[in-house]
């Protein structure tokens, strides 16, 4: 057992106990908004993108739509492409010699 899976204790995950180390926690309804606030915000924003921009959602393109949302969500704090380029340029470790010469 190499992986640990965190879940909400749903019965649909019962077969995972055979192959994974399960940690199931049930969140009380009174703490939903406090613990899962980012989850609700993220799902709400994804719904907004899918319903506002893509008027018709085909199963063939759903993965692409969700990938687009993830791309935008992960870059939500970058004001423009130049700022993102500067962050990438100074944070990336450049390897001119290649992995084999270390």
PDB file of N, CA and C in Angstrom:
ATOM      1  N   UNK A   1       0.829  -1.174   0.000  1.00  0.00           N
ATOM      2  CA  UNK A   1       0.000   0.000   0.000  1.00  0.00           C
ATOM      3  C   UNK A   1       0.878   1.245   0.000  1.00  0.00           C
ATOM      4  N   UNK A   2       0.962   1.890  -1.145  1.00  0.00           N
ATOM      5  CA  UNK A   2       1.825   3.047  -1.291  1.00  0.00           C
ATOM      6  C   UNK A   2       1.066   4.360  -1.191  1.00  0.00           C
ATOM      7  N   UNK A   3      -0.187   4.358  -1.535  1.00  0.00           N
ATOM      8  CA  UNK A   3      -0.944   5.602  -1.587  1.00  0.00           C
ATOM      9  C   UNK A   3      -1.934   5.687  -0.439  1.00  0.00           C
ATOM     10  N   UNK A   4      -2.154   6.905   0.006  1.00  0.00           N
ATOM     11  CA  UNK A   4      -3.173   7.154   1.019  1.00  0.00           C
ATOM     12  C   UNK A   4      -4.273   7.973   0.370  1.00  0.00           C
ATOM     13  N   UNK A   5      -5.506   7.533   0.507  1.00  0.00           N
ATOM     14  CA  UNK A   5      -6.652   8.181  -0.110  1.00  0.00           C
ATOM     15  C   UNK A   5      -7.497   8.810   0.989  1.00  0.00           C
ATOM     16  N   UNK A   6      -7.780  10.103   0.848  1.00  0.00           N
ATOM     17  CA  UNK A   6      -8.661  10.802   1.769  1.00  0.00           C
ATOM     18  C   UNK A   6     -10.038  10.878   1.123  1.00  0.00           C
ATOM     19  N   UNK A   7     -11.063  10.486   1.858  1.00  0.00           N
ATOM     20  CA  UNK A   7     -12.413  10.515   1.302  1.00  0.00           C
ATOM     21  C   UNK A   7     -13.399  10.957   2.375  1.00  0.00           C
ATOM     22  N   UNK A   8     -14.647  11.049   1.950  1.00  0.00           N
ATOM     23  CA  UNK A   8     -15.703  11.467   2.865  1.00  0.00           C
ATOM     24  C   UNK A   8     -16.439  10.288   3.494  1.00  0.00           C
ATOM     25  N   UNK A   9     -15.947   9.091   3.290  1.00  0.00           N
ATOM     26  CA  UNK A   9     -16.574   7.916   3.889  1.00  0.00           C
ATOM     27  C   UNK A   9     -17.723   7.357   3.093  1.00  0.00           C
ATOM     28  N   UNK A  10     -17.862   7.750   1.844  1.00  0.00           N
ATOM     29  CA  UNK A  10     -18.948   7.260   1.011  1.00  0.00           C
ATOM     30  C   UNK A  10     -18.792   5.762   0.740  1.00  0.00           C
ATOM     31  N   UNK A  11     -19.908   5.060   0.617  1.00  0.00           N
ATOM     32  CA  UNK A  11     -19.867   3.623   0.320  1.00  0.00           C
ATOM     33  C   UNK A  11     -19.303   3.331  -1.061  1.00  0.00           C
ATOM     34  N   UNK A  12     -19.299   4.323  -1.946  1.00  0.00           N
ATOM     35  CA  UNK A  12     -18.785   4.086  -3.296  1.00  0.00           C
ATOM     36  C   UNK A  12     -17.279   3.862  -3.301  1.00  0.00           C
ATOM     37  N   UNK A  13     -16.604   4.179  -2.207  1.00  0.00           N
ATOM     38  CA  UNK A  13     -15.156   3.990  -2.122  1.00  0.00           C
ATOM     39  C   UNK A  13     -14.756   2.721  -1.381  1.00  0.00           C
ATOM     40  N   UNK A  14     -15.719   1.864  -1.043  1.00  0.00           N
ATOM     41  CA  UNK A  14     -15.418   0.710  -0.194  1.00  0.00           C
ATOM     42  C   UNK A  14     -14.430  -0.261  -0.842  1.00  0.00           C
ATOM     43  N   UNK A  15     -14.408  -0.363  -2.169  1.00  0.00           N
ATOM     44  CA  UNK A  15     -13.479  -1.271  -2.837  1.00  0.00           C
ATOM     45  C   UNK A  15     -12.042  -0.760  -2.806  1.00  0.00           C
ATOM     46  N   UNK A  16     -11.857   0.526  -2.549  1.00  0.00           N
ATOM     47  CA  UNK A  16     -10.502   1.073  -2.481  1.00  0.00           C
ATOM     48  C   UNK A  16      -9.753   0.595  -1.250  1.00  0.00           C
ATOM     49  N   UNK A  17     -10.470   0.131  -0.230  1.00  0.00           N
ATOM     50  CA  UNK A  17      -9.816  -0.355   0.987  1.00  0.00           C
ATOM     51  C   UNK A  17      -8.892  -1.528   0.716  1.00  0.00           C
ATOM     52  N   UNK A  18      -9.140  -2.260  -0.353  1.00  0.00           N
ATOM     53  CA  UNK A  18      -8.335  -3.434  -0.671  1.00  0.00           C
ATOM     54  C   UNK A  18      -6.932  -3.060  -1.131  1.00  0.00           C
ATOM     55  N   UNK A  19      -6.809  -1.937  -1.838  1.00  0.00           N
ATOM     56  CA  UNK A  19      -5.528  -1.584  -2.442  1.00  0.00           C
ATOM     57  C   UNK A  19      -4.883  -0.318  -1.885  1.00  0.00           C
ATOM     58  N   UNK A  20      -5.630   0.450  -1.110  1.00  0.00           N
ATOM     59  CA  UNK A  20      -5.111   1.737  -0.650  1.00  0.00           C
ATOM     60  C   UNK A  20      -5.352   1.909   0.841  1.00  0.00           C
ATOM     61  N   UNK A  21      -4.533   2.735   1.435  1.00  0.00           N
ATOM     62  CA  UNK A  21      -4.716   3.115   2.824  1.00  0.00           C
ATOM     63  C   UNK A  21      -5.753   4.241   2.852  1.00  0.00           C
ATOM     64  N   UNK A  22      -6.919   3.981   3.406  1.00  0.00           N
ATOM     65  CA  UNK A  22      -8.023   4.934   3.370  1.00  0.00           C
ATOM     66  C   UNK A  22      -8.106   5.727   4.668  1.00  0.00           C
ATOM     67  N   UNK A  23      -8.340   7.019   4.525  1.00  0.00           N
ATOM     68  CA  UNK A  23      -8.614   7.886   5.669  1.00  0.00           C
ATOM     69  C   UNK A  23      -9.934   8.586   5.375  1.00  0.00           C
ATOM     70  N   UNK A  24     -10.997   8.104   6.002  1.00  0.00           N
ATOM     71  CA  UNK A  24     -12.337   8.633   5.756  1.00  0.00           C
ATOM     72  C   UNK A  24     -12.751   9.551   6.892  1.00  0.00           C
ATOM     73  N   UNK A  25     -13.235  10.719   6.515  1.00  0.00           N
ATOM     74  CA  UNK A  25     -13.714  11.684   7.498  1.00  0.00           C
ATOM     75  C   UNK A  25     -15.046  12.249   7.033  1.00  0.00           C
ATOM     76  N   UNK A  26     -15.999  12.240   7.923  1.00  0.00           N
ATOM     77  CA  UNK A  26     -17.300  12.816   7.627  1.00  0.00           C
ATOM     78  C   UNK A  26     -17.333  14.218   8.240  1.00  0.00           C
ATOM     79  N   UNK A  27     -17.625  15.202   7.408  1.00  0.00           N
ATOM     80  CA  UNK A  27     -17.665  16.588   7.858  1.00  0.00           C
ATOM     81  C   UNK A  27     -19.089  16.919   8.295  1.00  0.00           C
ATOM     82  N   UNK A  28     -19.259  17.417   9.501  1.00  0.00           N
ATOM     83  CA  UNK A  28     -20.615  17.793   9.943  1.00  0.00           C
ATOM     84  C   UNK A  28     -21.173  18.933   9.091  1.00  0.00           C
ATOM     85  N   UNK A  29     -22.481  18.937   8.896  1.00  0.00           N
ATOM     86  CA  UNK A  29     -23.120  19.959   8.059  1.00  0.00           C
ATOM     87  C   UNK A  29     -22.879  21.372   8.573  1.00  0.00           C
ATOM     88  N   UNK A  30     -22.714  21.508   9.865  1.00  0.00           N
ATOM     89  CA  UNK A  30     -22.497  22.842  10.434  1.00  0.00           C
ATOM     90  C   UNK A  30     -21.130  23.421  10.057  1.00  0.00           C
ATOM     91  N   UNK A  31     -20.199  22.573   9.621  1.00  0.00           N
ATOM     92  CA  UNK A  31     -18.848  23.046   9.276  1.00  0.00           C
ATOM     93  C   UNK A  31     -18.567  23.041   7.775  1.00  0.00           C
ATOM     94  N   UNK A  32     -19.567  22.719   6.947  1.00  0.00           N
ATOM     95  CA  UNK A  32     -19.370  22.681   5.497  1.00  0.00           C
ATOM     96  C   UNK A  32     -18.788  23.970   4.952  1.00  0.00           C
ATOM     97  N   UNK A  33     -19.419  25.080   5.248  1.00  0.00           N
ATOM     98  CA  UNK A  33     -18.996  26.358   4.678  1.00  0.00           C
ATOM     99  C   UNK A  33     -17.606  26.773   5.140  1.00  0.00           C
ATOM    100  N   UNK A  34     -17.251  26.420   6.352  1.00  0.00           N
ATOM    101  CA  UNK A  34     -15.932  26.788   6.862  1.00  0.00           C
ATOM    102  C   UNK A  34     -14.830  25.927   6.240  1.00  0.00           C
ATOM    103  N   UNK A  35     -15.054  24.637   6.155  1.00  0.00           N
ATOM    104  CA  UNK A  35     -14.024  23.717   5.684  1.00  0.00           C
ATOM    105  C   UNK A  35     -13.967  23.655   4.161  1.00  0.00           C
ATOM    106  N   UNK A  36     -15.106  23.677   3.521  1.00  0.00           N
ATOM    107  CA  UNK A  36     -15.166  23.484   2.074  1.00  0.00           C
ATOM    108  C   UNK A  36     -15.454  24.767   1.299  1.00  0.00           C
ATOM    109  N   UNK A  37     -15.121  25.915   1.847  1.00  0.00           N
ATOM    110  CA  UNK A  37     -15.466  27.168   1.167  1.00  0.00           C
ATOM    111  C   UNK A  37     -14.783  27.282  -0.194  1.00  0.00           C
ATOM    112  N   UNK A  38     -13.507  26.921  -0.306  1.00  0.00           N
ATOM    113  CA  UNK A  38     -12.815  26.992  -1.595  1.00  0.00           C
ATOM    114  C   UNK A  38     -13.361  25.982  -2.584  1.00  0.00           C
ATOM    115  N   UNK A  39     -13.799  24.846  -2.083  1.00  0.00           N
ATOM    116  CA  UNK A  39     -14.390  23.835  -2.967  1.00  0.00           C
ATOM    117  C   UNK A  39     -15.664  24.380  -3.596  1.00  0.00           C
ATOM    118  N   UNK A  40     -16.503  25.001  -2.791  1.00  0.00           N
ATOM    119  CA  UNK A  40     -17.753  25.572  -3.304  1.00  0.00           C
ATOM    120  C   UNK A  40     -17.476  26.716  -4.279  1.00  0.00           C
ATOM    121  N   UNK A  41     -16.496  27.540  -3.959  1.00  0.00           N
ATOM    122  CA  UNK A  41     -16.138  28.652  -4.844  1.00  0.00           C
ATOM    123  C   UNK A  41     -15.628  28.137  -6.181  1.00  0.00           C
ATOM    124  N   UNK A  42     -14.775  27.140  -6.144  1.00  0.00           N
ATOM    125  CA  UNK A  42     -14.196  26.579  -7.373  1.00  0.00           C
ATOM    126  C   UNK A  42     -15.268  25.946  -8.251  1.00  0.00           C
ATOM    127  N   UNK A  43     -16.143  25.170  -7.656  1.00  0.00           N
ATOM    128  CA  UNK A  43     -17.206  24.528  -8.435  1.00  0.00           C
ATOM    129  C   UNK A  43     -18.154  25.577  -9.005  1.00  0.00           C
ATOM    130  N   UNK A  44     -18.458  26.590  -8.227  1.00  0.00           N
ATOM    131  CA  UNK A  44     -19.334  27.656  -8.703  1.00  0.00           C
ATOM    132  C   UNK A  44     -18.713  28.400  -9.881  1.00  0.00           C
ATOM    133  N   UNK A  45     -17.424  28.694  -9.796  1.00  0.00           N
ATOM    134  CA  UNK A  45     -16.742  29.378 -10.901  1.00  0.00           C
ATOM    135  C   UNK A  45     -16.674  28.501 -12.149  1.00  0.00           C
ATOM    136  N   UNK A  46     -16.459  27.207 -11.969  1.00  0.00           N
ATOM    137  CA  UNK A  46     -16.428  26.290 -13.118  1.00  0.00           C
ATOM    138  C   UNK A  46     -17.796  26.234 -13.793  1.00  0.00           C
ATOM    139  N   UNK A  47     -18.845  26.178 -13.007  1.00  0.00           N
ATOM    140  CA  UNK A  47     -20.200  26.189 -13.572  1.00  0.00           C
ATOM    141  C   UNK A  47     -20.453  27.478 -14.346  1.00  0.00           C
ATOM    142  N   UNK A  48     -20.012  28.590 -13.772  1.00  0.00           N
ATOM    143  CA  UNK A  48     -20.189  29.874 -14.443  1.00  0.00           C
ATOM    144  C   UNK A  48     -19.494  29.907 -15.789  1.00  0.00           C
ATOM    145  N   UNK A  49     -18.265  29.399 -15.848  1.00  0.00           N
ATOM    146  CA  UNK A  49     -17.533  29.363 -17.118  1.00  0.00           C
ATOM    147  C   UNK A  49     -18.252  28.479 -18.128  1.00  0.00           C
ATOM    148  N   UNK A  50     -18.647  27.306 -17.692  1.00  0.00           N
ATOM    149  CA  UNK A  50     -19.266  26.363 -18.625  1.00  0.00           C
ATOM    150  C   UNK A  50     -20.615  26.857 -19.131  1.00  0.00           C
ATOM    151  N   UNK A  51     -21.394  27.497 -18.274  1.00  0.00           N
ATOM    152  CA  UNK A  51     -22.727  27.935 -18.690  1.00  0.00           C
ATOM    153  C   UNK A  51     -22.713  29.269 -19.423  1.00  0.00           C
ATOM    154  N   UNK A  52     -21.753  30.146 -19.089  1.00  0.00           N
ATOM    155  CA  UNK A  52     -21.713  31.464 -19.725  1.00  0.00           C
ATOM    156  C   UNK A  52     -20.980  31.455 -21.056  1.00  0.00           C
ATOM    157  N   UNK A  53     -19.844  30.813 -21.099  1.00  0.00           N
ATOM    158  CA  UNK A  53     -19.008  30.854 -22.302  1.00  0.00           C
ATOM    159  C   UNK A  53     -19.406  29.774 -23.291  1.00  0.00           C
ATOM    160  N   UNK A  54     -19.577  28.571 -22.806  1.00  0.00           N
ATOM    161  CA  UNK A  54     -19.892  27.436 -23.666  1.00  0.00           C
ATOM    162  C   UNK A  54     -21.389  27.149 -23.539  1.00  0.00           C
ATOM    163  N   UNK A  55     -22.152  27.588 -24.498  1.00  0.00           N
ATOM    164  CA  UNK A  55     -23.603  27.472 -24.403  1.00  0.00           C
ATOM    165  C   UNK A  55     -24.087  26.038 -24.560  1.00  0.00           C
ATOM    166  N   UNK A  56     -23.316  25.242 -25.249  1.00  0.00           N
ATOM    167  CA  UNK A  56     -23.653  23.834 -25.404  1.00  0.00           C
ATOM    168  C   UNK A  56     -22.415  23.024 -25.088  1.00  0.00           C
ATOM    169  N   UNK A  57     -22.524  22.078 -24.183  1.00  0.00           N
ATOM    170  CA  UNK A  57     -21.366  21.303 -23.739  1.00  0.00           C
ATOM    171  C   UNK A  57     -21.487  19.881 -24.272  1.00  0.00           C
ATOM    172  N   UNK A  58     -20.571  19.512 -25.156  1.00  0.00           N
ATOM    173  CA  UNK A  58     -20.532  18.153 -25.686  1.00  0.00           C
ATOM    174  C   UNK A  58     -19.603  17.301 -24.833  1.00  0.00           C
ATOM    175  N   UNK A  59     -19.925  16.022 -24.715  1.00  0.00           N
ATOM    176  CA  UNK A  59     -19.062  15.113 -23.974  1.00  0.00           C
ATOM    177  C   UNK A  59     -17.669  15.036 -24.591  1.00  0.00           C
ATOM    178  N   UNK A  60     -17.597  15.208 -25.914  1.00  0.00           N
ATOM    179  CA  UNK A  60     -16.305  15.121 -26.602  1.00  0.00           C
ATOM    180  C   UNK A  60     -15.347  16.227 -26.162  1.00  0.00           C
ATOM    181  N   UNK A  61     -15.884  17.375 -25.764  1.00  0.00           N
ATOM    182  CA  UNK A  61     -15.046  18.522 -25.442  1.00  0.00           C
ATOM    183  C   UNK A  61     -15.048  18.891 -23.962  1.00  0.00           C
ATOM    184  N   UNK A  62     -15.758  18.134 -23.136  1.00  0.00           N
ATOM    185  CA  UNK A  62     -15.856  18.477 -21.718  1.00  0.00           C
ATOM    186  C   UNK A  62     -14.486  18.531 -21.053  1.00  0.00           C
ATOM    187  N   UNK A  63     -13.626  17.573 -21.355  1.00  0.00           N
ATOM    188  CA  UNK A  63     -12.277  17.574 -20.772  1.00  0.00           C
ATOM    189  C   UNK A  63     -11.522  18.842 -21.170  1.00  0.00           C
ATOM    190  N   UNK A  64     -11.655  19.267 -22.406  1.00  0.00           N
ATOM    191  CA  UNK A  64     -10.984  20.494 -22.850  1.00  0.00           C
ATOM    192  C   UNK A  64     -11.527  21.719 -22.115  1.00  0.00           C
ATOM    193  N   UNK A  65     -12.828  21.767 -21.908  1.00  0.00           N
ATOM    194  CA  UNK A  65     -13.423  22.888 -21.186  1.00  0.00           C
ATOM    195  C   UNK A  65     -12.912  22.937 -19.747  1.00  0.00           C
ATOM    196  N   UNK A  66     -12.850  21.774 -19.098  1.00  0.00           N
ATOM    197  CA  UNK A  66     -12.355  21.730 -17.721  1.00  0.00           C
ATOM    198  C   UNK A  66     -10.867  22.050 -17.650  1.00  0.00           C
ATOM    199  N   UNK A  67     -10.098  21.623 -18.643  1.00  0.00           N
ATOM    200  CA  UNK A  67      -8.683  21.987 -18.704  1.00  0.00           C
ATOM    201  C   UNK A  67      -8.513  23.492 -18.855  1.00  0.00           C
ATOM    202  N   UNK A  68      -9.367  24.104 -19.660  1.00  0.00           N
ATOM    203  CA  UNK A  68      -9.328  25.556 -19.816  1.00  0.00           C
ATOM    204  C   UNK A  68      -9.616  26.240 -18.488  1.00  0.00           C
ATOM    205  N   UNK A  69     -10.603  25.738 -17.758  1.00  0.00           N
ATOM    206  CA  UNK A  69     -10.921  26.323 -16.460  1.00  0.00           C
ATOM    207  C   UNK A  69      -9.740  26.192 -15.499  1.00  0.00           C
ATOM    208  N   UNK A  70      -9.117  25.022 -15.447  1.00  0.00           N
ATOM    209  CA  UNK A  70      -7.966  24.818 -14.560  1.00  0.00           C
ATOM    210  C   UNK A  70      -6.828  25.751 -14.929  1.00  0.00           C
ATOM    211  N   UNK A  71      -6.591  25.921 -16.227  1.00  0.00           N
ATOM    212  CA  UNK A  71      -5.544  26.829 -16.692  1.00  0.00           C
ATOM    213  C   UNK A  71      -5.816  28.248 -16.196  1.00  0.00           C
ATOM    214  N   UNK A  72      -7.036  28.723 -16.370  1.00  0.00           N
ATOM    215  CA  UNK A  72      -7.391  30.077 -15.944  1.00  0.00           C
ATOM    216  C   UNK A  72      -7.360  30.212 -14.421  1.00  0.00           C
ATOM    217  N   UNK A  73      -7.834  29.192 -13.721  1.00  0.00           N
ATOM    218  CA  UNK A  73      -7.870  29.252 -12.265  1.00  0.00           C
ATOM    219  C   UNK A  73      -6.465  29.298 -11.678  1.00  0.00           C
ATOM    220  N   UNK A  74      -5.557  28.522 -12.224  1.00  0.00           N
ATOM    221  CA  UNK A  74      -4.190  28.488 -11.718  1.00  0.00           C
ATOM    222  C   UNK A  74      -3.422  29.766 -12.013  1.00  0.00           C
ATOM    223  N   UNK A  75      -3.886  30.554 -12.953  1.00  0.00           N
ATOM    224  CA  UNK A  75      -3.200  31.789 -13.318  1.00  0.00           C
ATOM    225  C   UNK A  75      -4.012  33.034 -12.971  1.00  0.00           C
ATOM    226  N   UNK A  76      -4.931  32.907 -12.035  1.00  0.00           N
ATOM    227  CA  UNK A  76      -5.853  33.999 -11.736  1.00  0.00           C
ATOM    228  C   UNK A  76      -5.183  35.199 -11.091  1.00  0.00           C
ATOM    229  N   UNK A  77      -3.997  35.040 -10.520  1.00  0.00           N
ATOM    230  CA  UNK A  77      -3.337  36.165  -9.862  1.00  0.00           C
ATOM    231  C   UNK A  77      -2.305  36.852 -10.732  1.00  0.00           C
ATOM    232  N   UNK A  78      -2.100  36.385 -11.946  1.00  0.00           N
ATOM    233  CA  UNK A  78      -1.175  37.040 -12.862  1.00  0.00           C
ATOM    234  C   UNK A  78      -1.953  38.052 -13.696  1.00  0.00           C
ATOM    235  N   UNK A  79      -1.559  39.313 -13.591  1.00  0.00           N
ATOM    236  CA  UNK A  79      -2.286  40.369 -14.296  1.00  0.00           C
ATOM    237  C   UNK A  79      -2.053  40.338 -15.794  1.00  0.00           C
ATOM    238  N   UNK A  80      -0.828  40.021 -16.191  1.00  0.00           N
ATOM    239  CA  UNK A  80      -0.570  39.965 -17.621  1.00  0.00           C
ATOM    240  C   UNK A  80       0.501  38.930 -17.922  1.00  0.00           C
ATOM    241  N   UNK A  81       0.698  38.650 -19.167  1.00  0.00           N
ATOM    242  CA  UNK A  81       1.627  37.608 -19.579  1.00  0.00           C
ATOM    243  C   UNK A  81       3.072  37.992 -19.258  1.00  0.00           C
ATOM    244  N   UNK A  82       3.404  39.262 -19.328  1.00  0.00           N
ATOM    245  CA  UNK A  82       4.766  39.693 -19.038  1.00  0.00           C
ATOM    246  C   UNK A  82       5.136  39.364 -17.592  1.00  0.00           C
ATOM    247  N   UNK A  83       4.231  39.628 -16.648  1.00  0.00           N
ATOM    248  CA  UNK A  83       4.492  39.283 -15.253  1.00  0.00           C
ATOM    249  C   UNK A  83       4.715  37.790 -15.093  1.00  0.00           C
ATOM    250  N   UNK A  84       3.903  36.994 -15.761  1.00  0.00           N
ATOM    251  CA  UNK A  84       4.039  35.537 -15.685  1.00  0.00           C
ATOM    252  C   UNK A  84       5.373  35.094 -16.265  1.00  0.00           C
ATOM    253  N   UNK A  85       5.784  35.704 -17.352  1.00  0.00           N
ATOM    254  CA  UNK A  85       7.063  35.368 -17.968  1.00  0.00           C
ATOM    255  C   UNK A  85       8.216  35.680 -17.021  1.00  0.00           C
ATOM    256  N   UNK A  86       8.150  36.804 -16.351  1.00  0.00           N
ATOM    257  CA  UNK A  86       9.210  37.183 -15.410  1.00  0.00           C
ATOM    258  C   UNK A  86       9.281  36.211 -14.233  1.00  0.00           C
ATOM    259  N   UNK A  87       8.148  35.816 -13.715  1.00  0.00           N
ATOM    260  CA  UNK A  87       8.131  34.845 -12.618  1.00  0.00           C
ATOM    261  C   UNK A  87       8.726  33.519 -13.073  1.00  0.00           C
ATOM    262  N   UNK A  88       8.343  33.074 -14.260  1.00  0.00           N
ATOM    263  CA  UNK A  88       8.873  31.811 -14.781  1.00  0.00           C
ATOM    264  C   UNK A  88      10.373  31.906 -15.032  1.00  0.00           C
ATOM    265  N   UNK A  89      10.839  33.059 -15.508  1.00  0.00           N
ATOM    266  CA  UNK A  89      12.259  33.219 -15.824  1.00  0.00           C
ATOM    267  C   UNK A  89      13.132  33.193 -14.574  1.00  0.00           C
ATOM    268  N   UNK A  90      12.682  33.777 -13.502  1.00  0.00           N
ATOM    269  CA  UNK A  90      13.523  33.830 -12.310  1.00  0.00           C
ATOM    270  C   UNK A  90      13.334  32.635 -11.388  1.00  0.00           C
ATOM    271  N   UNK A  91      12.262  31.898 -11.543  1.00  0.00           N
ATOM    272  CA  UNK A  91      12.046  30.753 -10.653  1.00  0.00           C
ATOM    273  C   UNK A  91      12.454  29.425 -11.282  1.00  0.00           C
ATOM    274  N   UNK A  92      12.631  29.373 -12.562  1.00  0.00           N
ATOM    275  CA  UNK A  92      13.011  28.138 -13.237  1.00  0.00           C
ATOM    276  C   UNK A  92      14.500  27.904 -13.091  1.00  0.00           C
ATOM    277  N   UNK A  93      14.874  26.707 -12.739  1.00  0.00           N
ATOM    278  CA  UNK A  93      16.292  26.346 -12.655  1.00  0.00           C
ATOM    279  C   UNK A  93      16.717  25.856 -14.030  1.00  0.00           C
ATOM    280  N   UNK A  94      17.605  26.575 -14.647  1.00  0.00           N
ATOM    281  CA  UNK A  94      18.059  26.234 -15.984  1.00  0.00           C
ATOM    282  C   UNK A  94      19.195  25.237 -15.901  1.00  0.00           C
ATOM    283  N   UNK A  95      19.170  24.251 -16.781  1.00  0.00           N
ATOM    284  CA  UNK A  95      20.193  23.213 -16.797  1.00  0.00           C
ATOM    285  C   UNK A  95      20.810  23.196 -18.197  1.00  0.00           C
ATOM    286  N   UNK A  96      21.949  23.841 -18.354  1.00  0.00           N
ATOM    287  CA  UNK A  96      22.567  23.911 -19.656  1.00  0.00           C
ATOM    288  C   UNK A  96      23.361  22.661 -20.005  1.00  0.00           C
ATOM    289  N   UNK A  97      23.848  21.936 -19.002  1.00  0.00           N
ATOM    290  CA  UNK A  97      24.690  20.784 -19.268  1.00  0.00           C
ATOM    291  C   UNK A  97      23.879  19.507 -19.481  1.00  0.00           C
ATOM    292  N   UNK A  98      22.669  19.510 -19.075  1.00  0.00           N
ATOM    293  CA  UNK A  98      21.849  18.313 -19.209  1.00  0.00           C
ATOM    294  C   UNK A  98      21.926  17.469 -17.944  1.00  0.00           C
ATOM    295  N   UNK A  99      20.989  16.585 -17.772  1.00  0.00           N
ATOM    296  CA  UNK A  99      20.907  15.754 -16.576  1.00  0.00           C
ATOM    297  C   UNK A  99      22.095  14.798 -16.442  1.00  0.00           C
ATOM    298  N   UNK A 100      22.620  14.332 -17.571  1.00  0.00           N
ATOM    299  CA  UNK A 100      23.682  13.323 -17.525  1.00  0.00           C
ATOM    300  C   UNK A 100      25.015  13.888 -17.044  1.00  0.00           C
ATOM    301  N   UNK A 101      25.221  15.206 -17.067  1.00  0.00           N
ATOM    302  CA  UNK A 101      26.495  15.803 -16.686  1.00  0.00           C
ATOM    303  C   UNK A 101      26.535  16.307 -15.249  1.00  0.00           C
ATOM    304  N   UNK A 102      25.585  15.947 -14.446  1.00  0.00           N
ATOM    305  CA  UNK A 102      25.580  16.393 -13.039  1.00  0.00           C
ATOM    306  C   UNK A 102      26.427  15.521 -12.178  1.00  0.00           C
TER     307      UNK A 102
END
